[in-house]
PDB file of N, CA and C in Angstrom:
ATOM      1  N   MET A   1       0.812  -1.190   0.000  1.00  0.00           N
ATOM      2  CA  MET A   1       0.000   0.000   0.000  1.00  0.00           C
ATOM      3  C   MET A   1       0.861   1.262   0.000  1.00  0.00           C
ATOM      4  N   LYS A   2       1.953   1.255   0.793  1.00  0.00           N
ATOM      5  CA  LYS A   2       2.834   2.421   0.839  1.00  0.00           C
ATOM      6  C   LYS A   2       3.488   2.657  -0.522  1.00  0.00           C
ATOM      7  N   LYS A   3       3.808   1.572  -1.248  1.00  0.00           N
ATOM      8  CA  LYS A   3       4.413   1.716  -2.576  1.00  0.00           C
ATOM      9  C   LYS A   3       3.413   2.337  -3.550  1.00  0.00           C
ATOM     10  N   GLN A   4       2.142   1.969  -3.433  1.00  0.00           N
ATOM     11  CA  GLN A   4       1.120   2.530  -4.314  1.00  0.00           C
ATOM     12  C   GLN A   4       0.932   4.026  -4.035  1.00  0.00           C
ATOM     13  N   ILE A   5       0.919   4.408  -2.764  1.00  0.00           N
ATOM     14  CA  ILE A   5       0.778   5.823  -2.402  1.00  0.00           C
ATOM     15  C   ILE A   5       1.995   6.611  -2.872  1.00  0.00           C
ATOM     16  N   ALA A   6       3.185   6.034  -2.700  1.00  0.00           N
ATOM     17  CA  ALA A   6       4.408   6.704  -3.146  1.00  0.00           C
ATOM     18  C   ALA A   6       4.403   6.862  -4.664  1.00  0.00           C
ATOM     19  N   ALA A   7       3.977   5.819  -5.374  1.00  0.00           N
ATOM     20  CA  ALA A   7       3.926   5.877  -6.837  1.00  0.00           C
ATOM     21  C   ALA A   7       2.899   6.909  -7.293  1.00  0.00           C
ATOM     22  N   LEU A   8       1.739   6.945  -6.642  1.00  0.00           N
ATOM     23  CA  LEU A   8       0.704   7.908  -6.987  1.00  0.00           C
ATOM     24  C   LEU A   8       1.168   9.338  -6.703  1.00  0.00           C
ATOM     25  N   THR A   9       1.840   9.536  -5.575  1.00  0.00           N
ATOM     26  CA  THR A   9       2.374  10.850  -5.228  1.00  0.00           C
ATOM     27  C   THR A   9       3.415  11.296  -6.243  1.00  0.00           C
ATOM     28  N   LEU A  10       4.303  10.376  -6.622  1.00  0.00           N
ATOM     29  CA  LEU A  10       5.330  10.691  -7.618  1.00  0.00           C
ATOM     30  C   LEU A  10       4.695  11.038  -8.962  1.00  0.00           C
ATOM     31  N   ALA A  11       3.715  10.252  -9.389  1.00  0.00           N
ATOM     32  CA  ALA A  11       3.051  10.498 -10.669  1.00  0.00           C
ATOM     33  C   ALA A  11       2.331  11.846 -10.659  1.00  0.00           C
ATOM     34  N   THR A  12       1.668  12.165  -9.560  1.00  0.00           N
ATOM     35  CA  THR A  12       0.964  13.443  -9.446  1.00  0.00           C
ATOM     36  C   THR A  12       1.943  14.611  -9.469  1.00  0.00           C
ATOM     37  N   THR A  13       3.037  14.472  -8.727  1.00  0.00           N
ATOM     38  CA  THR A  13       4.048  15.529  -8.687  1.00  0.00           C
ATOM     39  C   THR A  13       4.646  15.763 -10.064  1.00  0.00           C
ATOM     40  N   LEU A  14       4.991  14.680 -10.752  1.00  0.00           N
ATOM     41  CA  LEU A  14       5.553  14.823 -12.102  1.00  0.00           C
ATOM     42  C   LEU A  14       4.532  15.419 -13.063  1.00  0.00           C
ATOM     43  N   GLY A  15       3.297  14.984 -12.943  1.00  0.00           N
ATOM     44  CA  GLY A  15       2.245  15.494 -13.821  1.00  0.00           C
ATOM     45  C   GLY A  15       2.010  16.980 -13.645  1.00  0.00           C
ATOM     46  N   LEU A  16       2.071  17.438 -12.404  1.00  0.00           N
ATOM     47  CA  LEU A  16       1.856  18.859 -12.141  1.00  0.00           C
ATOM     48  C   LEU A  16       3.073  19.715 -12.469  1.00  0.00           C
ATOM     49  N   SER A  17       4.250  19.109 -12.461  1.00  0.00           N
ATOM     50  CA  SER A  17       5.461  19.895 -12.705  1.00  0.00           C
ATOM     51  C   SER A  17       5.766  20.072 -14.185  1.00  0.00           C
ATOM     52  N   ILE A  18       5.121  19.298 -15.026  1.00  0.00           N
ATOM     53  CA  ILE A  18       5.353  19.431 -16.469  1.00  0.00           C
ATOM     54  C   ILE A  18       4.522  20.601 -16.977  1.00  0.00           C
ATOM     55  N   GLN A  19       5.203  21.578 -17.545  1.00  0.00           N
ATOM     56  CA  GLN A  19       4.518  22.737 -18.087  1.00  0.00           C
ATOM     57  C   GLN A  19       4.869  22.854 -19.558  1.00  0.00           C
ATOM     58  N   PRO A  20       3.918  23.272 -20.359  1.00  0.00           N
ATOM     59  CA  PRO A  20       4.228  23.431 -21.780  1.00  0.00           C
ATOM     60  C   PRO A  20       5.269  24.526 -21.993  1.00  0.00           C
ATOM     61  N   ILE A  21       6.109  24.288 -22.953  1.00  0.00           N
ATOM     62  CA  ILE A  21       7.129  25.267 -23.306  1.00  0.00           C
ATOM     63  C   ILE A  21       6.646  26.006 -24.544  1.00  0.00           C
ATOM     64  N   VAL A  22       6.524  27.299 -24.429  1.00  0.00           N
ATOM     65  CA  VAL A  22       6.062  28.129 -25.531  1.00  0.00           C
ATOM     66  C   VAL A  22       7.227  28.976 -26.001  1.00  0.00           C
ATOM     67  N   SER A  23       7.440  28.970 -27.310  1.00  0.00           N
ATOM     68  CA  SER A  23       8.510  29.798 -27.848  1.00  0.00           C
ATOM     69  C   SER A  23       7.973  30.610 -29.008  1.00  0.00           C
ATOM     70  N   SER A  24       8.634  31.698 -29.264  1.00  0.00           N
ATOM     71  CA  SER A  24       8.259  32.558 -30.366  1.00  0.00           C
ATOM     72  C   SER A  24       9.528  32.967 -31.083  1.00  0.00           C
ATOM     73  N   ALA A  25       9.539  32.760 -32.386  1.00  0.00           N
ATOM     74  CA  ALA A  25      10.721  33.121 -33.164  1.00  0.00           C
ATOM     75  C   ALA A  25      10.336  34.180 -34.185  1.00  0.00           C
ATOM     76  N   GLU A  26      11.151  35.185 -34.269  1.00  0.00           N
ATOM     77  CA  GLU A  26      10.953  36.236 -35.254  1.00  0.00           C
ATOM     78  C   GLU A  26      12.335  36.646 -35.730  1.00  0.00           C
ATOM     79  N   THR A  27      12.479  36.765 -37.033  1.00  0.00           N
ATOM     80  CA  THR A  27      13.792  37.105 -37.555  1.00  0.00           C
ATOM     81  C   THR A  27      14.147  38.540 -37.210  1.00  0.00           C
ATOM     82  N   ALA A  28      15.422  38.815 -37.200  1.00  0.00           N
ATOM     83  CA  ALA A  28      15.881  40.177 -36.921  1.00  0.00           C
ATOM     84  C   ALA A  28      15.325  41.139 -37.962  1.00  0.00           C
ATOM     85  N   GLN A  29      15.208  40.663 -39.204  1.00  0.00           N
ATOM     86  CA  GLN A  29      14.685  41.519 -40.269  1.00  0.00           C
ATOM     87  C   GLN A  29      13.242  41.907 -39.963  1.00  0.00           C
ATOM     88  N   ASN A  30      12.412  40.936 -39.566  1.00  0.00           N
ATOM     89  CA  ASN A  30      11.024  41.244 -39.264  1.00  0.00           C
ATOM     90  C   ASN A  30      10.914  42.171 -38.070  1.00  0.00           C
ATOM     91  N   MET A  31      11.726  41.922 -37.038  1.00  0.00           N
ATOM     92  CA  MET A  31      11.681  42.760 -35.851  1.00  0.00           C
ATOM     93  C   MET A  31      12.079  44.185 -36.196  1.00  0.00           C
ATOM     94  N   GLN A  32      13.114  44.337 -36.990  1.00  0.00           N
ATOM     95  CA  GLN A  32      13.566  45.675 -37.364  1.00  0.00           C
ATOM     96  C   GLN A  32      12.505  46.375 -38.199  1.00  0.00           C
ATOM     97  N   ALA A  33      11.929  45.653 -39.148  1.00  0.00           N
ATOM     98  CA  ALA A  33      10.973  46.255 -40.057  1.00  0.00           C
ATOM     99  C   ALA A  33       9.732  46.738 -39.322  1.00  0.00           C
ATOM    100  N   THR A  34       9.251  45.972 -38.352  1.00  0.00           N
ATOM    101  CA  THR A  34       8.048  46.378 -37.655  1.00  0.00           C
ATOM    102  C   THR A  34       8.303  47.554 -36.725  1.00  0.00           C
ATOM    103  N   GLU A  35       9.554  47.807 -36.384  1.00  0.00           N
ATOM    104  CA  GLU A  35       9.888  48.941 -35.537  1.00  0.00           C
ATOM    105  C   GLU A  35      10.046  50.220 -36.354  1.00  0.00           C
ATOM    106  N   GLN A  36      10.069  50.099 -37.669  1.00  0.00           N
ATOM    107  CA  GLN A  36      10.252  51.255 -38.534  1.00  0.00           C
ATOM    108  C   GLN A  36       8.966  51.529 -39.288  1.00  0.00           C
ATOM    109  N   SER A  37       8.884  52.717 -39.842  1.00  0.00           N
ATOM    110  CA  SER A  37       7.773  53.037 -40.724  1.00  0.00           C
ATOM    111  C   SER A  37       8.345  53.729 -41.947  1.00  0.00           C
ATOM    112  N   GLY A  38       7.553  53.755 -43.006  1.00  0.00           N
ATOM    113  CA  GLY A  38       8.022  54.331 -44.260  1.00  0.00           C
ATOM    114  C   GLY A  38       8.777  53.294 -45.069  1.00  0.00           C
ATOM    115  N   TRP A  39       9.702  53.754 -45.886  1.00  0.00           N
ATOM    116  CA  TRP A  39      10.468  52.863 -46.755  1.00  0.00           C
ATOM    117  C   TRP A  39      11.574  52.167 -45.972  1.00  0.00           C
ATOM    118  N   VAL A  40      11.678  50.860 -46.184  1.00  0.00           N
ATOM    119  CA  VAL A  40      12.727  50.054 -45.562  1.00  0.00           C
ATOM    120  C   VAL A  40      13.386  49.254 -46.671  1.00  0.00           C
ATOM    121  N   LYS A  41      14.711  49.394 -46.783  1.00  0.00           N
ATOM    122  CA  LYS A  41      15.449  48.691 -47.832  1.00  0.00           C
ATOM    123  C   LYS A  41      16.558  47.868 -47.193  1.00  0.00           C
ATOM    124  N   ASP A  42      16.703  46.624 -47.674  1.00  0.00           N
ATOM    125  CA  ASP A  42      17.822  45.785 -47.251  1.00  0.00           C
ATOM    126  C   ASP A  42      18.271  44.946 -48.441  1.00  0.00           C
ATOM    127  N   GLU A  43      19.101  43.938 -48.186  1.00  0.00           N
ATOM    128  CA  GLU A  43      19.645  43.136 -49.282  1.00  0.00           C
ATOM    129  C   GLU A  43      18.577  42.308 -49.991  1.00  0.00           C
ATOM    130  N   ASN A  44      17.387  42.167 -49.399  1.00  0.00           N
ATOM    131  CA  ASN A  44      16.330  41.357 -49.997  1.00  0.00           C
ATOM    132  C   ASN A  44      15.305  42.168 -50.780  1.00  0.00           C
ATOM    133  N   GLY A  45      15.344  43.483 -50.676  1.00  0.00           N
ATOM    134  CA  GLY A  45      14.385  44.295 -51.407  1.00  0.00           C
ATOM    135  C   GLY A  45      14.016  45.562 -50.665  1.00  0.00           C
ATOM    136  N   THR A  46      12.923  46.181 -51.136  1.00  0.00           N
ATOM    137  CA  THR A  46      12.445  47.434 -50.565  1.00  0.00           C
ATOM    138  C   THR A  46      10.964  47.285 -50.251  1.00  0.00           C
ATOM    139  N   TRP A  47      10.573  47.713 -49.056  1.00  0.00           N
ATOM    140  CA  TRP A  47       9.197  47.617 -48.597  1.00  0.00           C
ATOM    141  C   TRP A  47       8.741  48.951 -48.041  1.00  0.00           C
ATOM    142  N   PHE A  48       7.412  49.077 -47.899  1.00  0.00           N
ATOM    143  CA  PHE A  48       6.853  50.262 -47.254  1.00  0.00           C
ATOM    144  C   PHE A  48       6.003  49.808 -46.077  1.00  0.00           C
ATOM    145  N   TYR A  49       6.257  50.419 -44.901  1.00  0.00           N
ATOM    146  CA  TYR A  49       5.517  50.091 -43.687  1.00  0.00           C
ATOM    147  C   TYR A  49       4.750  51.312 -43.195  1.00  0.00           C
ATOM    148  N   PHE A  50       3.509  51.081 -42.775  1.00  0.00           N
ATOM    149  CA  PHE A  50       2.733  52.129 -42.123  1.00  0.00           C
ATOM    150  C   PHE A  50       3.289  52.356 -40.722  1.00  0.00           C
ATOM    151  N   GLU A  51       2.862  53.429 -40.053  1.00  0.00           N
ATOM    152  CA  GLU A  51       3.367  53.751 -38.713  1.00  0.00           C
ATOM    153  C   GLU A  51       3.074  52.658 -37.694  1.00  0.00           C
ATOM    154  N   ASN A  52       2.010  51.871 -37.917  1.00  0.00           N
ATOM    155  CA  ASN A  52       1.674  50.804 -36.976  1.00  0.00           C
ATOM    156  C   ASN A  52       2.448  49.515 -37.260  1.00  0.00           C
ATOM    157  N   GLY A  53       3.377  49.555 -38.228  1.00  0.00           N
ATOM    158  CA  GLY A  53       4.208  48.397 -38.533  1.00  0.00           C
ATOM    159  C   GLY A  53       3.633  47.456 -39.572  1.00  0.00           C
ATOM    160  N   VAL A  54       2.446  47.750 -40.094  1.00  0.00           N
ATOM    161  CA  VAL A  54       1.829  46.900 -41.102  1.00  0.00           C
ATOM    162  C   VAL A  54       2.466  47.186 -42.456  1.00  0.00           C
ATOM    163  N   LYS A  55       2.822  46.109 -43.151  1.00  0.00           N
ATOM    164  CA  LYS A  55       3.466  46.228 -44.452  1.00  0.00           C
ATOM    165  C   LYS A  55       2.418  46.534 -45.523  1.00  0.00           C
ATOM    166  N   LYS A  56       2.685  47.530 -46.351  1.00  0.00           N
ATOM    167  CA  LYS A  56       1.795  47.917 -47.448  1.00  0.00           C
ATOM    168  C   LYS A  56       2.005  46.970 -48.617  1.00  0.00           C
ATOM    169  N   THR A  57       0.920  46.600 -49.287  1.00  0.00           N
ATOM    170  CA  THR A  57       0.997  45.854 -50.541  1.00  0.00           C
ATOM    171  C   THR A  57       0.086  46.536 -51.546  1.00  0.00           C
ATOM    172  N   GLY A  58       0.304  46.245 -52.821  1.00  0.00           N
ATOM    173  CA  GLY A  58      -0.491  46.856 -53.878  1.00  0.00           C
ATOM    174  C   GLY A  58       0.134  48.166 -54.334  1.00  0.00           C
ATOM    175  N   TRP A  59      -0.696  49.004 -54.928  1.00  0.00           N
ATOM    176  CA  TRP A  59      -0.210  50.286 -55.433  1.00  0.00           C
ATOM    177  C   TRP A  59      -0.043  51.289 -54.299  1.00  0.00           C
ATOM    178  N   LEU A  60       1.028  52.083 -54.402  1.00  0.00           N
ATOM    179  CA  LEU A  60       1.307  53.124 -53.414  1.00  0.00           C
ATOM    180  C   LEU A  60       1.765  54.374 -54.151  1.00  0.00           C
ATOM    181  N   LYS A  61       1.120  55.499 -53.861  1.00  0.00           N
ATOM    182  CA  LYS A  61       1.564  56.781 -54.408  1.00  0.00           C
ATOM    183  C   LYS A  61       2.298  57.519 -53.305  1.00  0.00           C
ATOM    184  N   ASP A  62       3.549  57.860 -53.562  1.00  0.00           N
ATOM    185  CA  ASP A  62       4.375  58.543 -52.578  1.00  0.00           C
ATOM    186  C   ASP A  62       5.168  59.623 -53.296  1.00  0.00           C
ATOM    187  N   ASN A  63       5.061  60.856 -52.840  1.00  0.00           N
ATOM    188  CA  ASN A  63       5.750  61.994 -53.474  1.00  0.00           C
ATOM    189  C   ASN A  63       5.459  62.072 -54.968  1.00  0.00           C
ATOM    190  N   ASP A  64       4.184  61.931 -55.319  1.00  0.00           N
ATOM    191  CA  ASP A  64       3.715  62.013 -56.708  1.00  0.00           C
ATOM    192  C   ASP A  64       4.306  60.938 -57.613  1.00  0.00           C
ATOM    193  N   ARG A  65       4.816  59.859 -57.041  1.00  0.00           N
ATOM    194  CA  ARG A  65       5.324  58.726 -57.830  1.00  0.00           C
ATOM    195  C   ARG A  65       4.573  57.477 -57.401  1.00  0.00           C
ATOM    196  N   TRP A  66       4.325  56.574 -58.374  1.00  0.00           N
ATOM    197  CA  TRP A  66       3.615  55.336 -58.096  1.00  0.00           C
ATOM    198  C   TRP A  66       4.595  54.182 -57.970  1.00  0.00           C
ATOM    199  N   TYR A  67       4.313  53.307 -57.015  1.00  0.00           N
ATOM    200  CA  TYR A  67       5.113  52.106 -56.769  1.00  0.00           C
ATOM    201  C   TYR A  67       4.159  50.930 -56.638  1.00  0.00           C
ATOM    202  N   TYR A  68       4.638  49.745 -57.036  1.00  0.00           N
ATOM    203  CA  TYR A  68       3.831  48.541 -56.840  1.00  0.00           C
ATOM    204  C   TYR A  68       4.560  47.625 -55.876  1.00  0.00           C
ATOM    205  N   LEU A  69       3.880  47.280 -54.789  1.00  0.00           N
ATOM    206  CA  LEU A  69       4.433  46.430 -53.737  1.00  0.00           C
ATOM    207  C   LEU A  69       3.723  45.082 -53.831  1.00  0.00           C
ATOM    208  N   ASP A  70       4.446  44.083 -54.309  1.00  0.00           N
ATOM    209  CA  ASP A  70       3.886  42.783 -54.678  1.00  0.00           C
ATOM    210  C   ASP A  70       3.524  41.933 -53.459  1.00  0.00           C
ATOM    211  N   ALA A  71       2.224  41.713 -53.260  1.00  0.00           N
ATOM    212  CA  ALA A  71       1.754  40.895 -52.134  1.00  0.00           C
ATOM    213  C   ALA A  71       2.209  39.447 -52.272  1.00  0.00           C
ATOM    214  N   ASN A  72       2.423  38.980 -53.507  1.00  0.00           N
ATOM    215  CA  ASN A  72       2.875  37.601 -53.722  1.00  0.00           C
ATOM    216  C   ASN A  72       4.348  37.416 -53.398  1.00  0.00           C
ATOM    217  N   ASN A  73       5.045  38.513 -53.175  1.00  0.00           N
ATOM    218  CA  ASN A  73       6.479  38.453 -52.879  1.00  0.00           C
ATOM    219  C   ASN A  73       6.777  39.200 -51.573  1.00  0.00           C
ATOM    220  N   GLY A  74       5.900  39.064 -50.599  1.00  0.00           N
ATOM    221  CA  GLY A  74       6.126  39.672 -49.294  1.00  0.00           C
ATOM    222  C   GLY A  74       5.966  41.178 -49.258  1.00  0.00           C
ATOM    223  N   GLY A  75       5.405  41.767 -50.310  1.00  0.00           N
ATOM    224  CA  GLY A  75       5.221  43.213 -50.337  1.00  0.00           C
ATOM    225  C   GLY A  75       6.418  43.982 -50.862  1.00  0.00           C
ATOM    226  N   SER A  76       7.357  43.283 -51.501  1.00  0.00           N
ATOM    227  CA  SER A  76       8.548  43.976 -52.004  1.00  0.00           C
ATOM    228  C   SER A  76       8.207  44.829 -53.222  1.00  0.00           C
ATOM    229  N   MET A  77       8.926  45.942 -53.360  1.00  0.00           N
ATOM    230  CA  MET A  77       8.717  46.860 -54.468  1.00  0.00           C
ATOM    231  C   MET A  77       9.174  46.201 -55.766  1.00  0.00           C
ATOM    232  N   LYS A  78       8.316  46.243 -56.773  1.00  0.00           N
ATOM    233  CA  LYS A  78       8.634  45.656 -58.071  1.00  0.00           C
ATOM    234  C   LYS A  78       9.210  46.722 -58.996  1.00  0.00           C
ATOM    235  N   THR A  79      10.062  46.270 -59.912  1.00  0.00           N
ATOM    236  CA  THR A  79      10.624  47.141 -60.940  1.00  0.00           C
ATOM    237  C   THR A  79      10.561  46.411 -62.268  1.00  0.00           C
ATOM    238  N   GLY A  80      10.757  47.156 -63.354  1.00  0.00           N
ATOM    239  CA  GLY A  80      10.708  46.549 -64.681  1.00  0.00           C
ATOM    240  C   GLY A  80       9.267  46.265 -65.086  1.00  0.00           C
ATOM    241  N   TRP A  81       9.088  45.333 -66.024  1.00  0.00           N
ATOM    242  CA  TRP A  81       7.753  44.982 -66.486  1.00  0.00           C
ATOM    243  C   TRP A  81       7.069  44.104 -65.450  1.00  0.00           C
ATOM    244  N   VAL A  82       5.863  44.488 -65.080  1.00  0.00           N
ATOM    245  CA  VAL A  82       5.079  43.690 -64.139  1.00  0.00           C
ATOM    246  C   VAL A  82       3.662  43.526 -64.674  1.00  0.00           C
ATOM    247  N   ASN A  83       3.079  42.373 -64.391  1.00  0.00           N
ATOM    248  CA  ASN A  83       1.700  42.088 -64.757  1.00  0.00           C
ATOM    249  C   ASN A  83       0.868  42.192 -63.487  1.00  0.00           C
ATOM    250  N   VAL A  84      -0.029  43.170 -63.471  1.00  0.00           N
ATOM    251  CA  VAL A  84      -0.901  43.373 -62.316  1.00  0.00           C
ATOM    252  C   VAL A  84      -2.338  43.206 -62.787  1.00  0.00           C
ATOM    253  N   GLU A  85      -2.971  42.141 -62.347  1.00  0.00           N
ATOM    254  CA  GLU A  85      -4.357  41.844 -62.695  1.00  0.00           C
ATOM    255  C   GLU A  85      -4.586  41.873 -64.203  1.00  0.00           C
ATOM    256  N   GLY A  86      -3.676  41.272 -64.952  1.00  0.00           N
ATOM    257  CA  GLY A  86      -3.822  41.155 -66.396  1.00  0.00           C
ATOM    258  C   GLY A  86      -3.363  42.356 -67.202  1.00  0.00           C
ATOM    259  N   LYS A  87      -2.892  43.397 -66.562  1.00  0.00           N
ATOM    260  CA  LYS A  87      -2.384  44.578 -67.264  1.00  0.00           C
ATOM    261  C   LYS A  87      -0.894  44.699 -66.999  1.00  0.00           C
ATOM    262  N   TYR A  88      -0.153  45.082 -68.042  1.00  0.00           N
ATOM    263  CA  TYR A  88       1.295  45.238 -67.910  1.00  0.00           C
ATOM    264  C   TYR A  88       1.660  46.695 -67.662  1.00  0.00           C
ATOM    265  N   TYR A  89       2.605  46.877 -66.767  1.00  0.00           N
ATOM    266  CA  TYR A  89       3.116  48.205 -66.425  1.00  0.00           C
ATOM    267  C   TYR A  89       4.632  48.135 -66.423  1.00  0.00           C
ATOM    268  N   TYR A  90       5.254  49.235 -66.847  1.00  0.00           N
ATOM    269  CA  TYR A  90       6.712  49.316 -66.752  1.00  0.00           C
ATOM    270  C   TYR A  90       7.052  50.236 -65.589  1.00  0.00           C
ATOM    271  N   LEU A  91       7.748  49.675 -64.621  1.00  0.00           N
ATOM    272  CA  LEU A  91       8.145  50.432 -63.434  1.00  0.00           C
ATOM    273  C   LEU A  91       9.640  50.658 -63.480  1.00  0.00           C
ATOM    274  N   ASP A  92      10.060  51.836 -63.118  1.00  0.00           N
ATOM    275  CA  ASP A  92      11.471  52.234 -63.154  1.00  0.00           C
ATOM    276  C   ASP A  92      12.358  51.128 -62.585  1.00  0.00           C
ATOM    277  N   THR A  93      13.356  50.703 -63.362  1.00  0.00           N
ATOM    278  CA  THR A  93      14.241  49.624 -62.911  1.00  0.00           C
ATOM    279  C   THR A  93      15.294  50.108 -61.933  1.00  0.00           C
ATOM    280  N   ASN A  94      15.470  51.424 -61.848  1.00  0.00           N
ATOM    281  CA  ASN A  94      16.451  51.971 -60.911  1.00  0.00           C
ATOM    282  C   ASN A  94      15.866  53.226 -60.266  1.00  0.00           C
ATOM    283  N   PRO A  95      14.849  53.040 -59.398  1.00  0.00           N
ATOM    284  CA  PRO A  95      14.237  54.234 -58.805  1.00  0.00           C
ATOM    285  C   PRO A  95      15.232  54.999 -57.951  1.00  0.00           C
ATOM    286  N   ASP A  96      15.149  56.302 -58.029  1.00  0.00           N
ATOM    287  CA  ASP A  96      16.045  57.177 -57.270  1.00  0.00           C
ATOM    288  C   ASP A  96      15.764  57.019 -55.778  1.00  0.00           C
ATOM    289  N   PRO A  97      16.723  56.509 -54.999  1.00  0.00           N
ATOM    290  CA  PRO A  97      16.470  56.303 -53.572  1.00  0.00           C
ATOM    291  C   PRO A  97      16.179  57.596 -52.825  1.00  0.00           C
ATOM    292  N   ASN A  98      16.601  58.724 -53.379  1.00  0.00           N
ATOM    293  CA  ASN A  98      16.320  60.006 -52.730  1.00  0.00           C
ATOM    294  C   ASN A  98      14.865  60.420 -52.905  1.00  0.00           C
ATOM    295  N   LYS A  99      14.200  59.845 -53.914  1.00  0.00           N
ATOM    296  CA  LYS A  99      12.801  60.175 -54.154  1.00  0.00           C
ATOM    297  C   LYS A  99      11.861  59.204 -53.451  1.00  0.00           C
ATOM    298  N   ILE A 100      12.397  58.115 -52.916  1.00  0.00           N
ATOM    299  CA  ILE A 100      11.563  57.171 -52.170  1.00  0.00           C
ATOM    300  C   ILE A 100      11.427  57.696 -50.762  1.00  0.00           C
ATOM    301  N   GLY A 101      10.179  57.848 -50.334  1.00  0.00           N
ATOM    302  CA  GLY A 101       9.922  58.326 -48.969  1.00  0.00           C
ATOM    303  C   GLY A 101       9.929  59.766 -48.971  1.00  0.00           C
TER     304      GLY A 101
END
């Protein structure tokens, strides 16, 4: 009987001491981008973020210039010939970084 009580006590103690481990991973790029607003450029492309950290996709007019931020490619700015909803547009292949933002 004492062995059964000891086994039950051990099982209960182990059962209560096991806690789920929760982890959250976010890349440095994502963390940096959400802390910034406006145009963000790195080695992977150029994006536009609103002040609340939400990434813009679709057409964006900024300083009287139009940009297309491709939702299928993480919202990165497209250049050259692009097909948007069945229509082709030519976007500057080398936009002036001083005119962005």
